[in-house]
């Protein structure tokens, strides 16, 4: 997909979501449920602020990948948190490449009928104030957790790989990338 097509696709998804929100707000307003209108508007303001914070990291490719994530990956849902204000522009290409590689690897160990939930966090490194850690974590029922862990360990940019399993077959897969 070329850049123009990708932009139209992004706008199409945004417009769809925006129209759904407007329709919901109109429904609440027509029923006189102004507290629900106010709550929904506050939720949208929080989302817009998160996007602004993501944009301030100056990681264009990575930000676009994050914004489009829930539209592109059918059985994955991801949220994001920004807890740093570092300019990460020089890490954009490598971040984007490794996040795509992570998802390509992870998808091979998932059941297409299951929903996997995750979060990507951009946080200041407690040991180095000039560094940012990018921590990506997903939970769900992964197939062959041991092989997944070995495949992720082959990706040299991941500084920390953790796969924690619980008794109910759910696992949490977490990887960390360092920008310093």
N, C-alpha and C. Protein backbone atom coordinates (compact mmCIF):
# COMPACT_ATOMS: atom_id res chain seq x y z
N UNK A 1 0.86 -1.17 0.00
CA UNK A 1 0.00 0.00 0.00
C UNK A 1 0.91 1.24 0.00
N UNK A 2 0.64 2.16 -0.93
CA UNK A 2 1.46 3.36 -0.96
C UNK A 2 1.01 4.35 0.12
N UNK A 3 1.78 5.41 0.30
CA UNK A 3 1.52 6.36 1.39
C UNK A 3 0.15 7.01 1.28
N UNK A 4 -0.25 7.34 0.07
CA UNK A 4 -1.55 7.98 -0.12
C UNK A 4 -2.68 7.04 0.25
N UNK A 5 -2.58 5.79 -0.19
CA UNK A 5 -3.60 4.80 0.15
C UNK A 5 -3.65 4.54 1.66
N UNK A 6 -2.47 4.51 2.27
CA UNK A 6 -2.39 4.31 3.71
C UNK A 6 -3.05 5.47 4.46
N UNK A 7 -2.86 6.70 3.96
CA UNK A 7 -3.47 7.86 4.59
C UNK A 7 -5.00 7.82 4.43
N UNK A 8 -5.49 7.46 3.26
CA UNK A 8 -6.94 7.35 3.04
C UNK A 8 -7.51 6.28 3.95
N UNK A 9 -6.80 5.17 4.09
CA UNK A 9 -7.27 4.09 4.98
C UNK A 9 -7.34 4.57 6.42
N UNK A 10 -6.33 5.31 6.86
CA UNK A 10 -6.32 5.87 8.21
C UNK A 10 -7.50 6.81 8.40
N UNK A 11 -7.72 7.70 7.44
CA UNK A 11 -8.85 8.64 7.54
C UNK A 11 -10.19 7.91 7.54
N UNK A 12 -10.30 6.86 6.73
CA UNK A 12 -11.55 6.08 6.69
C UNK A 12 -11.85 5.47 8.06
N UNK A 13 -10.84 4.90 8.71
CA UNK A 13 -11.05 4.31 10.03
C UNK A 13 -11.38 5.39 11.06
N UNK A 14 -10.66 6.50 11.01
CA UNK A 14 -10.93 7.59 11.96
C UNK A 14 -12.36 8.12 11.78
N UNK A 15 -12.75 8.31 10.52
CA UNK A 15 -14.10 8.81 10.24
C UNK A 15 -15.15 7.83 10.75
N UNK A 16 -14.96 6.56 10.52
CA UNK A 16 -15.89 5.53 10.99
C UNK A 16 -16.04 5.59 12.51
N UNK A 17 -14.91 5.62 13.21
CA UNK A 17 -14.94 5.68 14.67
C UNK A 17 -15.57 6.98 15.16
N UNK A 18 -15.24 8.08 14.50
CA UNK A 18 -15.77 9.38 14.89
C UNK A 18 -17.29 9.41 14.71
N UNK A 19 -17.77 8.90 13.58
CA UNK A 19 -19.22 8.87 13.34
C UNK A 19 -19.94 7.97 14.34
N UNK A 20 -19.32 6.86 14.72
CA UNK A 20 -19.91 6.01 15.76
C UNK A 20 -20.03 6.77 17.08
N UNK A 21 -18.99 7.52 17.43
CA UNK A 21 -19.02 8.31 18.67
C UNK A 21 -20.09 9.40 18.60
N UNK A 22 -20.20 10.08 17.48
CA UNK A 22 -21.22 11.13 17.32
C UNK A 22 -22.62 10.53 17.43
N UNK A 23 -22.83 9.39 16.79
CA UNK A 23 -24.13 8.73 16.85
C UNK A 23 -24.47 8.35 18.29
N UNK A 24 -23.50 7.85 19.03
CA UNK A 24 -23.71 7.49 20.43
C UNK A 24 -24.04 8.73 21.26
N UNK A 25 -23.30 9.81 21.03
CA UNK A 25 -23.57 11.06 21.75
C UNK A 25 -24.97 11.59 21.45
N UNK A 26 -25.38 11.54 20.19
CA UNK A 26 -26.73 11.99 19.82
C UNK A 26 -27.79 11.14 20.49
N UNK A 27 -27.54 9.83 20.55
CA UNK A 27 -28.49 8.93 21.22
C UNK A 27 -28.62 9.27 22.70
N UNK A 28 -27.50 9.45 23.38
CA UNK A 28 -27.53 9.82 24.80
C UNK A 28 -28.25 11.15 24.99
N UNK A 29 -27.95 12.14 24.13
CA UNK A 29 -28.55 13.47 24.25
C UNK A 29 -30.06 13.40 24.03
N UNK A 30 -30.50 12.59 23.05
CA UNK A 30 -31.93 12.50 22.76
C UNK A 30 -32.70 11.84 23.91
N UNK A 31 -32.00 11.03 24.71
CA UNK A 31 -32.64 10.39 25.86
C UNK A 31 -32.46 11.22 27.14
N UNK A 32 -31.80 12.37 27.00
CA UNK A 32 -31.60 13.23 28.16
C UNK A 32 -30.52 12.73 29.12
N UNK A 33 -29.67 11.84 28.66
CA UNK A 33 -28.61 11.27 29.51
C UNK A 33 -27.34 12.10 29.36
N UNK A 34 -27.42 13.32 29.87
CA UNK A 34 -26.30 14.25 29.69
C UNK A 34 -25.04 13.82 30.45
N UNK A 35 -25.20 13.07 31.55
CA UNK A 35 -24.02 12.58 32.27
C UNK A 35 -23.24 11.60 31.39
N UNK A 36 -23.94 10.82 30.55
CA UNK A 36 -23.25 9.90 29.64
C UNK A 36 -22.59 10.68 28.50
N UNK A 37 -23.23 11.75 28.04
CA UNK A 37 -22.64 12.60 27.01
C UNK A 37 -21.34 13.19 27.55
N UNK A 38 -21.40 13.71 28.76
CA UNK A 38 -20.22 14.32 29.37
C UNK A 38 -19.10 13.30 29.57
N UNK A 39 -19.45 12.11 30.01
CA UNK A 39 -18.44 11.07 30.23
C UNK A 39 -17.78 10.66 28.91
N UNK A 40 -18.58 10.53 27.86
CA UNK A 40 -18.04 10.15 26.55
C UNK A 40 -17.14 11.24 26.00
N UNK A 41 -17.54 12.50 26.16
CA UNK A 41 -16.71 13.61 25.70
C UNK A 41 -15.38 13.67 26.46
N UNK A 42 -15.42 13.42 27.76
CA UNK A 42 -14.18 13.38 28.54
C UNK A 42 -13.27 12.25 28.07
N UNK A 43 -13.86 11.09 27.77
CA UNK A 43 -13.10 9.95 27.27
C UNK A 43 -12.41 10.31 25.95
N UNK A 44 -13.11 11.00 25.07
CA UNK A 44 -12.53 11.40 23.78
C UNK A 44 -11.41 12.42 23.97
N UNK A 45 -11.56 13.29 24.98
CA UNK A 45 -10.50 14.26 25.27
C UNK A 45 -9.24 13.55 25.77
N UNK A 46 -9.41 12.53 26.60
CA UNK A 46 -8.27 11.75 27.09
C UNK A 46 -7.56 11.07 25.91
N UNK A 47 -8.34 10.48 25.01
CA UNK A 47 -7.76 9.83 23.83
C UNK A 47 -6.98 10.82 22.97
N UNK A 48 -7.55 12.01 22.74
CA UNK A 48 -6.89 13.03 21.93
C UNK A 48 -5.58 13.48 22.60
N UNK A 49 -5.59 13.60 23.91
CA UNK A 49 -4.38 13.99 24.64
C UNK A 49 -3.31 12.90 24.53
N UNK A 50 -3.72 11.64 24.59
CA UNK A 50 -2.76 10.54 24.43
C UNK A 50 -2.13 10.59 23.04
N UNK A 51 -2.94 10.85 22.02
CA UNK A 51 -2.41 10.93 20.66
C UNK A 51 -1.43 12.10 20.54
N UNK A 52 -1.74 13.22 21.18
CA UNK A 52 -0.83 14.37 21.17
C UNK A 52 0.50 13.99 21.81
N UNK A 53 0.44 13.27 22.93
CA UNK A 53 1.68 12.85 23.60
C UNK A 53 2.47 11.88 22.73
N UNK A 54 1.78 10.99 22.03
CA UNK A 54 2.44 10.06 21.12
C UNK A 54 3.13 10.82 20.00
N UNK A 55 2.44 11.80 19.44
CA UNK A 55 3.03 12.62 18.38
C UNK A 55 4.26 13.37 18.87
N UNK A 56 4.26 13.79 20.13
CA UNK A 56 5.39 14.58 20.66
C UNK A 56 6.67 13.76 20.77
N UNK A 57 6.58 12.44 20.70
CA UNK A 57 7.79 11.60 20.73
C UNK A 57 8.55 11.67 19.41
N UNK A 58 7.92 12.20 18.36
CA UNK A 58 8.55 12.37 17.04
C UNK A 58 8.95 11.05 16.40
N UNK A 59 8.10 10.04 16.55
CA UNK A 59 8.33 8.73 15.93
C UNK A 59 7.18 8.47 14.95
N UNK A 60 7.29 9.04 13.77
CA UNK A 60 6.20 9.06 12.81
C UNK A 60 5.76 7.65 12.40
N UNK A 61 6.70 6.81 11.96
CA UNK A 61 6.34 5.45 11.52
C UNK A 61 5.76 4.64 12.67
N UNK A 62 6.41 4.74 13.81
CA UNK A 62 5.96 3.98 14.98
C UNK A 62 4.60 4.46 15.46
N UNK A 63 4.40 5.77 15.49
CA UNK A 63 3.11 6.32 15.92
C UNK A 63 2.00 5.88 14.98
N UNK A 64 2.25 5.92 13.69
CA UNK A 64 1.24 5.49 12.72
C UNK A 64 0.92 4.01 12.92
N UNK A 65 1.95 3.20 13.16
CA UNK A 65 1.74 1.77 13.42
C UNK A 65 0.88 1.57 14.66
N UNK A 66 1.15 2.33 15.72
CA UNK A 66 0.38 2.21 16.96
C UNK A 66 -1.06 2.64 16.75
N UNK A 67 -1.26 3.76 16.07
CA UNK A 67 -2.62 4.27 15.85
C UNK A 67 -3.43 3.29 15.01
N UNK A 68 -2.81 2.65 14.03
CA UNK A 68 -3.52 1.72 13.14
C UNK A 68 -3.59 0.30 13.69
N UNK A 69 -2.91 0.03 14.77
CA UNK A 69 -2.76 -1.33 15.26
C UNK A 69 -4.08 -2.08 15.37
N UNK A 70 -5.06 -1.53 16.07
CA UNK A 70 -6.32 -2.25 16.33
C UNK A 70 -7.13 -2.47 15.06
N UNK A 71 -6.84 -1.74 14.01
CA UNK A 71 -7.52 -1.96 12.74
C UNK A 71 -6.83 -3.02 11.91
N UNK A 72 -5.51 -3.16 12.09
CA UNK A 72 -4.73 -4.07 11.25
C UNK A 72 -4.65 -5.49 11.79
N UNK A 73 -4.68 -5.64 13.09
CA UNK A 73 -4.52 -6.97 13.70
C UNK A 73 -5.88 -7.42 14.24
N UNK A 74 -6.48 -8.38 13.55
CA UNK A 74 -7.85 -8.78 13.85
C UNK A 74 -8.06 -9.30 15.27
N UNK A 75 -7.15 -10.11 15.76
CA UNK A 75 -7.40 -10.73 17.07
C UNK A 75 -6.47 -10.17 18.16
N UNK A 76 -6.05 -8.93 17.96
CA UNK A 76 -5.25 -8.22 18.96
C UNK A 76 -5.88 -6.86 19.23
N UNK A 77 -5.80 -6.44 20.48
CA UNK A 77 -6.20 -5.08 20.86
C UNK A 77 -5.08 -4.53 21.73
N UNK A 78 -4.65 -3.31 21.41
CA UNK A 78 -3.53 -2.73 22.13
C UNK A 78 -3.85 -1.29 22.52
N UNK A 79 -3.46 -0.94 23.72
CA UNK A 79 -3.54 0.43 24.20
C UNK A 79 -2.10 0.93 24.32
N UNK A 80 -1.93 2.21 24.58
CA UNK A 80 -0.58 2.73 24.75
C UNK A 80 -0.56 3.77 25.85
N UNK A 81 0.63 3.90 26.46
CA UNK A 81 0.84 4.86 27.53
C UNK A 81 2.16 5.58 27.28
N UNK A 82 2.13 6.88 27.45
CA UNK A 82 3.33 7.70 27.24
C UNK A 82 3.70 8.32 28.59
N UNK A 83 4.87 7.95 29.10
CA UNK A 83 5.33 8.47 30.39
C UNK A 83 6.71 9.12 30.26
N UNK A 84 6.96 9.69 29.08
CA UNK A 84 8.21 10.39 28.82
C UNK A 84 7.94 11.48 27.79
N UNK A 85 8.82 12.43 27.72
CA UNK A 85 8.69 13.46 26.70
C UNK A 85 9.94 13.55 25.83
N UNK A 86 10.73 12.47 25.82
CA UNK A 86 11.95 12.45 25.01
C UNK A 86 11.62 12.46 23.52
N UNK A 87 12.46 13.11 22.75
CA UNK A 87 12.37 13.06 21.30
C UNK A 87 13.06 11.76 20.86
N UNK A 88 12.31 10.87 20.27
CA UNK A 88 12.84 9.56 19.89
C UNK A 88 12.99 9.41 18.38
N UNK A 89 13.01 10.52 17.66
CA UNK A 89 12.99 10.47 16.19
C UNK A 89 14.12 9.61 15.61
N UNK A 90 15.30 9.63 16.22
CA UNK A 90 16.41 8.84 15.66
C UNK A 90 16.22 7.35 15.86
N UNK A 91 15.25 6.94 16.68
CA UNK A 91 14.98 5.53 16.92
C UNK A 91 13.75 5.03 16.14
N UNK A 92 13.11 5.92 15.40
CA UNK A 92 11.84 5.58 14.77
C UNK A 92 11.92 4.35 13.87
N UNK A 93 12.88 4.32 12.96
CA UNK A 93 12.97 3.19 12.03
C UNK A 93 13.18 1.87 12.76
N UNK A 94 14.13 1.85 13.68
CA UNK A 94 14.44 0.60 14.38
C UNK A 94 13.29 0.18 15.29
N UNK A 95 12.63 1.13 15.94
CA UNK A 95 11.46 0.80 16.75
C UNK A 95 10.37 0.18 15.89
N UNK A 96 10.07 0.85 14.80
CA UNK A 96 9.01 0.36 13.91
C UNK A 96 9.34 -1.04 13.40
N UNK A 97 10.56 -1.23 12.92
CA UNK A 97 10.96 -2.55 12.40
C UNK A 97 10.82 -3.64 13.46
N UNK A 98 11.26 -3.35 14.68
CA UNK A 98 11.23 -4.37 15.72
C UNK A 98 9.83 -4.62 16.26
N UNK A 99 8.98 -3.62 16.27
CA UNK A 99 7.59 -3.83 16.68
C UNK A 99 6.86 -4.70 15.66
N UNK A 100 7.09 -4.44 14.38
CA UNK A 100 6.50 -5.27 13.33
C UNK A 100 7.03 -6.70 13.42
N UNK A 101 8.34 -6.84 13.63
CA UNK A 101 8.95 -8.16 13.78
C UNK A 101 8.38 -8.90 14.99
N UNK A 102 8.21 -8.18 16.09
CA UNK A 102 7.61 -8.78 17.29
C UNK A 102 6.22 -9.33 16.97
N UNK A 103 5.40 -8.51 16.31
CA UNK A 103 4.04 -8.95 16.01
C UNK A 103 4.02 -10.09 15.00
N UNK A 104 4.90 -10.06 14.02
CA UNK A 104 4.99 -11.18 13.07
C UNK A 104 5.33 -12.47 13.79
N UNK A 105 6.24 -12.38 14.74
CA UNK A 105 6.63 -13.56 15.53
C UNK A 105 5.49 -13.99 16.43
N UNK A 106 4.91 -13.05 17.15
CA UNK A 106 3.83 -13.37 18.09
C UNK A 106 2.64 -14.01 17.39
N UNK A 107 2.29 -13.49 16.23
CA UNK A 107 1.12 -14.01 15.50
C UNK A 107 1.26 -15.50 15.16
N UNK A 108 2.49 -15.95 14.95
CA UNK A 108 2.70 -17.36 14.62
C UNK A 108 2.39 -18.28 15.79
N UNK A 109 2.25 -17.72 16.99
CA UNK A 109 2.02 -18.52 18.19
C UNK A 109 0.66 -18.21 18.82
N UNK A 110 -0.29 -17.78 17.99
CA UNK A 110 -1.61 -17.43 18.50
C UNK A 110 -2.70 -18.23 17.81
N UNK A 111 -3.81 -18.32 18.46
CA UNK A 111 -5.01 -18.94 17.92
C UNK A 111 -5.84 -17.82 17.30
N UNK A 112 -6.16 -17.91 16.04
CA UNK A 112 -6.90 -16.85 15.33
C UNK A 112 -8.29 -16.62 15.91
N UNK A 113 -8.77 -17.54 16.72
CA UNK A 113 -10.11 -17.40 17.31
C UNK A 113 -10.05 -16.77 18.71
N UNK A 114 -8.87 -16.48 19.20
CA UNK A 114 -8.70 -15.88 20.52
C UNK A 114 -8.41 -14.39 20.39
N UNK A 115 -8.78 -13.63 21.41
CA UNK A 115 -8.45 -12.21 21.45
C UNK A 115 -7.29 -12.00 22.42
N UNK A 116 -6.27 -11.32 21.97
CA UNK A 116 -5.08 -11.02 22.76
C UNK A 116 -5.08 -9.52 23.06
N UNK A 117 -4.84 -9.17 24.31
CA UNK A 117 -4.85 -7.76 24.70
C UNK A 117 -3.46 -7.35 25.15
N UNK A 118 -3.13 -6.10 24.85
CA UNK A 118 -1.79 -5.65 25.20
C UNK A 118 -1.70 -4.16 25.41
N UNK A 119 -0.50 -3.76 25.77
CA UNK A 119 -0.19 -2.35 25.98
C UNK A 119 1.26 -2.11 25.59
N UNK A 120 1.51 -0.95 25.01
CA UNK A 120 2.88 -0.52 24.76
C UNK A 120 3.09 0.75 25.57
N UNK A 121 4.19 0.75 26.33
CA UNK A 121 4.49 1.87 27.22
C UNK A 121 5.83 2.48 26.83
N UNK A 122 5.86 3.79 26.82
CA UNK A 122 7.09 4.55 26.62
C UNK A 122 7.39 5.19 27.96
N UNK A 123 8.43 4.72 28.63
CA UNK A 123 8.72 5.19 29.98
C UNK A 123 10.18 5.60 30.12
N UNK A 124 10.44 6.53 31.02
CA UNK A 124 11.81 6.93 31.31
C UNK A 124 12.53 5.77 32.00
N UNK A 125 13.76 5.54 31.61
CA UNK A 125 14.58 4.52 32.25
C UNK A 125 15.01 5.04 33.61
N UNK A 126 14.70 4.31 34.67
CA UNK A 126 15.04 4.74 36.03
C UNK A 126 16.54 4.82 36.24
N UNK A 127 17.31 4.07 35.45
CA UNK A 127 18.77 4.05 35.61
C UNK A 127 19.50 5.05 34.73
N UNK A 128 18.79 5.63 33.76
CA UNK A 128 19.41 6.57 32.83
C UNK A 128 18.34 7.56 32.38
N UNK A 129 18.38 8.77 32.91
CA UNK A 129 17.32 9.75 32.65
C UNK A 129 17.25 10.18 31.19
N UNK A 130 18.29 9.92 30.42
CA UNK A 130 18.27 10.27 28.99
C UNK A 130 17.73 9.14 28.12
N UNK A 131 17.43 8.01 28.72
CA UNK A 131 16.97 6.85 27.96
C UNK A 131 15.47 6.63 28.15
N UNK A 132 14.87 6.03 27.13
CA UNK A 132 13.46 5.66 27.19
C UNK A 132 13.36 4.16 26.96
N UNK A 133 12.54 3.52 27.77
CA UNK A 133 12.24 2.10 27.57
C UNK A 133 10.90 1.98 26.87
N UNK A 134 10.86 1.11 25.89
CA UNK A 134 9.61 0.81 25.20
C UNK A 134 9.25 -0.62 25.60
N UNK A 135 8.19 -0.74 26.38
CA UNK A 135 7.79 -2.04 26.91
C UNK A 135 6.47 -2.45 26.26
N UNK A 136 6.50 -3.59 25.59
CA UNK A 136 5.32 -4.10 24.88
C UNK A 136 4.92 -5.41 25.53
N UNK A 137 3.66 -5.49 25.92
CA UNK A 137 3.19 -6.66 26.67
C UNK A 137 1.83 -7.10 26.13
N UNK A 138 1.68 -8.41 25.90
CA UNK A 138 0.41 -8.99 25.46
C UNK A 138 0.05 -10.18 26.33
N UNK A 139 -1.24 -10.33 26.56
CA UNK A 139 -1.70 -11.50 27.31
C UNK A 139 -2.70 -12.27 26.48
N UNK A 140 -2.68 -13.57 26.69
CA UNK A 140 -3.58 -14.46 25.98
C UNK A 140 -3.08 -15.89 26.06
N UNK A 141 -3.73 -16.75 25.33
CA UNK A 141 -3.36 -18.16 25.32
C UNK A 141 -2.46 -18.42 24.12
N UNK A 142 -1.14 -18.37 24.36
CA UNK A 142 -0.17 -18.56 23.29
C UNK A 142 0.12 -20.03 23.08
N UNK A 143 0.45 -20.37 21.85
CA UNK A 143 0.79 -21.74 21.49
C UNK A 143 2.30 -21.92 21.62
N UNK A 144 2.74 -23.01 22.20
CA UNK A 144 4.15 -23.35 22.34
C UNK A 144 4.97 -22.18 22.90
N UNK A 145 4.72 -21.86 24.14
CA UNK A 145 5.34 -20.72 24.82
C UNK A 145 6.86 -20.82 24.82
N UNK A 146 7.40 -22.02 24.99
CA UNK A 146 8.86 -22.19 25.01
C UNK A 146 9.49 -21.81 23.68
N UNK A 147 8.89 -22.26 22.58
CA UNK A 147 9.42 -21.92 21.25
C UNK A 147 9.25 -20.43 20.98
N UNK A 148 8.13 -19.85 21.40
CA UNK A 148 7.92 -18.41 21.26
C UNK A 148 9.04 -17.64 21.96
N UNK A 149 9.36 -18.05 23.17
CA UNK A 149 10.41 -17.37 23.93
C UNK A 149 11.76 -17.47 23.22
N UNK A 150 12.06 -18.64 22.65
CA UNK A 150 13.32 -18.81 21.92
C UNK A 150 13.36 -17.93 20.66
N UNK A 151 12.25 -17.85 19.95
CA UNK A 151 12.19 -17.03 18.74
C UNK A 151 12.35 -15.55 19.07
N UNK A 152 11.74 -15.10 20.15
CA UNK A 152 11.88 -13.70 20.56
C UNK A 152 13.30 -13.41 21.01
N UNK A 153 13.95 -14.39 21.63
CA UNK A 153 15.33 -14.20 22.10
C UNK A 153 16.30 -14.02 20.93
N UNK A 154 15.92 -14.46 19.75
CA UNK A 154 16.75 -14.30 18.56
C UNK A 154 16.76 -12.85 18.05
N UNK A 155 15.82 -12.05 18.53
CA UNK A 155 15.75 -10.65 18.10
C UNK A 155 16.65 -9.85 19.05
N UNK A 156 17.80 -9.44 18.56
CA UNK A 156 18.85 -8.88 19.42
C UNK A 156 18.47 -7.56 20.09
N UNK A 157 17.55 -6.80 19.52
CA UNK A 157 17.20 -5.50 20.08
C UNK A 157 16.36 -5.60 21.34
N UNK A 158 15.76 -6.76 21.61
CA UNK A 158 14.95 -6.91 22.81
C UNK A 158 15.87 -7.13 24.00
N UNK A 159 15.85 -6.19 24.94
CA UNK A 159 16.75 -6.28 26.08
C UNK A 159 16.19 -7.14 27.20
N UNK A 160 14.91 -7.35 27.19
CA UNK A 160 14.29 -8.13 28.26
C UNK A 160 13.08 -8.85 27.69
N UNK A 161 13.06 -10.16 27.82
CA UNK A 161 11.94 -10.95 27.32
C UNK A 161 11.40 -11.76 28.49
N UNK A 162 10.12 -11.63 28.73
CA UNK A 162 9.49 -12.38 29.82
C UNK A 162 8.21 -13.04 29.31
N UNK A 163 8.09 -14.31 29.57
CA UNK A 163 6.85 -15.04 29.30
C UNK A 163 6.42 -15.69 30.60
N UNK A 164 5.34 -15.20 31.13
CA UNK A 164 4.83 -15.69 32.40
C UNK A 164 3.50 -16.39 32.15
N UNK A 165 3.42 -17.65 32.56
CA UNK A 165 2.19 -18.43 32.35
C UNK A 165 1.45 -18.59 33.67
N UNK A 166 0.13 -18.65 33.56
CA UNK A 166 -0.69 -18.91 34.73
C UNK A 166 -1.35 -20.27 34.58
N UNK A 167 -2.06 -20.69 35.60
CA UNK A 167 -2.67 -22.02 35.60
C UNK A 167 -3.81 -22.15 34.59
N UNK A 168 -4.42 -21.05 34.20
CA UNK A 168 -5.55 -21.11 33.27
C UNK A 168 -5.13 -20.99 31.81
N UNK A 169 -3.91 -21.37 31.48
CA UNK A 169 -3.33 -21.38 30.14
C UNK A 169 -3.05 -20.00 29.57
N UNK A 170 -3.37 -18.96 30.31
CA UNK A 170 -3.07 -17.61 29.84
C UNK A 170 -1.61 -17.29 30.14
N UNK A 171 -1.02 -16.56 29.24
CA UNK A 171 0.37 -16.14 29.42
C UNK A 171 0.47 -14.64 29.17
N UNK A 172 1.50 -14.05 29.73
CA UNK A 172 1.80 -12.65 29.45
C UNK A 172 3.18 -12.63 28.83
N UNK A 173 3.25 -12.09 27.63
CA UNK A 173 4.51 -11.99 26.89
C UNK A 173 4.92 -10.52 26.87
N UNK A 174 6.10 -10.23 27.41
CA UNK A 174 6.58 -8.86 27.51
C UNK A 174 7.99 -8.76 26.94
N UNK A 175 8.20 -7.74 26.11
CA UNK A 175 9.54 -7.46 25.59
C UNK A 175 9.84 -5.99 25.83
N UNK A 176 11.13 -5.68 25.95
CA UNK A 176 11.56 -4.30 26.18
C UNK A 176 12.60 -3.92 25.14
N UNK A 177 12.44 -2.72 24.61
CA UNK A 177 13.42 -2.11 23.72
C UNK A 177 13.95 -0.87 24.41
N UNK A 178 15.23 -0.60 24.27
CA UNK A 178 15.80 0.59 24.92
C UNK A 178 16.20 1.61 23.86
N UNK A 179 15.82 2.84 24.10
CA UNK A 179 16.21 3.96 23.25
C UNK A 179 17.14 4.84 24.07
N UNK A 180 18.44 4.72 23.82
CA UNK A 180 19.41 5.53 24.58
C UNK A 180 20.60 5.90 23.73
